[in-house]
Protein backbone atom coordinates (compact mmCIF):
# COMPACT_ATOMS: atom_id res chain seq x y z
CA MET A 1 -47.63 139.82 178.57
CA ASP A 2 -51.19 138.68 179.14
CA ILE A 3 -50.26 134.99 179.35
CA ARG A 4 -49.47 133.44 182.72
CA SER A 5 -48.17 130.12 184.01
CA ASN A 6 -50.62 127.19 183.93
CA ASP A 7 -52.64 128.75 181.08
CA THR A 8 -53.45 126.41 178.19
CA VAL A 9 -52.25 127.70 174.82
CA VAL A 10 -52.25 126.60 171.18
CA VAL A 11 -49.25 127.16 168.88
CA LEU A 12 -50.06 129.34 165.84
CA SER A 13 -46.94 128.92 163.70
CA GLY A 14 -43.79 126.86 163.34
CA ARG A 15 -43.15 123.14 163.25
CA ASP A 16 -45.44 122.56 166.25
CA LYS A 17 -48.39 124.43 164.72
CA GLY A 18 -51.72 123.27 166.17
CA LYS A 19 -50.29 121.64 169.30
CA GLN A 20 -51.77 122.52 172.67
CA GLY A 21 -49.95 122.62 175.95
CA ARG A 22 -49.76 124.12 179.42
CA ILE A 23 -47.36 127.00 180.10
CA MET A 24 -44.63 125.94 182.51
CA LYS A 25 -42.54 129.12 182.70
CA VAL A 26 -42.88 132.73 181.46
CA ASP A 27 -39.99 135.12 180.70
CA PRO A 28 -41.57 138.56 180.12
CA LYS A 29 -38.20 140.31 179.73
CA ASN A 30 -37.40 138.34 176.55
CA GLY A 31 -41.02 137.78 175.49
CA LYS A 32 -40.65 133.99 175.62
CA LEU A 33 -42.30 131.11 177.42
CA ILE A 34 -41.90 127.37 177.84
CA VAL A 35 -44.89 125.22 176.84
CA GLU A 36 -45.21 121.61 177.97
CA GLY A 37 -44.55 119.20 175.06
CA VAL A 38 -43.87 121.95 172.48
CA ASN A 39 -40.57 122.96 170.80
CA MET A 40 -38.70 119.89 172.06
CA ALA A 41 -34.93 119.69 171.71
CA LYS A 42 -32.54 116.79 172.28
CA ARG A 43 -29.66 117.23 174.69
CA HIS A 44 -26.82 114.73 174.98
CA LYS A 45 -26.14 114.15 178.68
CA LYS A 46 -22.94 112.62 179.91
CA PRO A 47 -23.04 110.63 183.17
CA ARG A 48 -21.19 112.62 185.85
CA LYS A 49 -21.22 110.19 188.79
CA GLN A 50 -21.09 106.45 189.27
CA GLY A 51 -24.56 105.07 188.54
CA ASP A 52 -25.79 108.34 186.98
CA PRO A 53 -27.58 107.60 183.68
CA GLY A 54 -26.47 109.30 180.51
CA GLY A 55 -28.05 109.46 177.10
CA ILE A 56 -30.20 111.66 174.94
CA ILE A 57 -32.65 113.77 176.95
CA LYS A 58 -35.65 115.57 175.39
CA LYS A 59 -36.57 118.91 176.94
CA GLU A 60 -38.72 121.92 176.12
CA THR A 61 -37.04 125.07 174.84
CA PRO A 62 -38.47 128.62 174.93
CA ILE A 63 -40.87 129.84 172.23
CA TYR A 64 -41.90 133.42 171.47
CA ALA A 65 -45.15 134.47 173.14
CA SER A 66 -46.41 135.95 169.86
CA LYS A 67 -46.54 132.43 168.37
CA VAL A 68 -49.14 131.18 170.86
CA MET A 69 -52.74 132.03 171.71
CA ARG A 70 -54.55 131.31 174.95
CA VAL A 71 -57.34 128.68 174.89
CA CYS A 72 -60.56 129.40 176.81
CA PRO A 73 -61.22 126.69 179.43
CA LYS A 74 -65.00 126.92 178.95
CA CYS A 75 -65.46 126.96 175.15
CA SER A 76 -62.06 125.34 174.28
CA LYS A 77 -61.39 127.85 171.48
CA PRO A 78 -58.30 130.01 170.96
CA THR A 79 -59.04 133.56 172.02
CA ARG A 80 -57.30 136.91 172.32
CA GLY A 81 -56.93 138.42 175.74
CA ALA A 82 -59.56 140.83 177.02
CA HIS A 83 -59.96 142.51 180.40
CA LEU A 84 -63.09 143.46 182.28
CA VAL A 85 -63.27 145.71 185.34
CA LYS A 86 -65.82 144.47 187.86
CA GLY A 87 -67.95 146.72 190.04
CA ASP A 88 -65.60 146.40 193.02
CA GLY A 89 -62.64 147.57 190.90
CA THR A 90 -60.92 144.22 190.31
CA LYS A 91 -59.67 143.50 186.82
CA VAL A 92 -60.29 140.00 185.41
CA ARG A 93 -59.38 138.25 182.16
CA VAL A 94 -62.30 137.20 179.97
CA CYS A 95 -62.80 135.20 176.76
CA LYS A 96 -63.71 137.35 173.76
CA LYS A 97 -65.74 134.51 172.20
CA CYS A 98 -67.96 133.30 175.05
CA GLY A 99 -67.42 135.98 177.73
CA ALA A 100 -66.37 133.49 180.41
CA GLU A 101 -63.92 134.53 183.08
CA ILE A 102 -60.47 132.96 182.71
């Protein structure tokens, strides 16, 4: 997977289509990731201890990585991943639209 934590992504399909968010967690084994504020689910929490609040909690659930596209921080457009090998041999991610390093 070319997407890492703290990258900004835009959702391409589903009920949250068009929403942008920051990646909180990546699960490359299953091809899923958790995006902040996207694919929210309600969980009913029961209070376990005295003074512990219960109620309905909203939390993010995993979404397939193929449903999101990384957003370039410079040009703010969704872009596919591209790699560039520098002269010293290091590999960096670049934007295909503006050529900026991500």
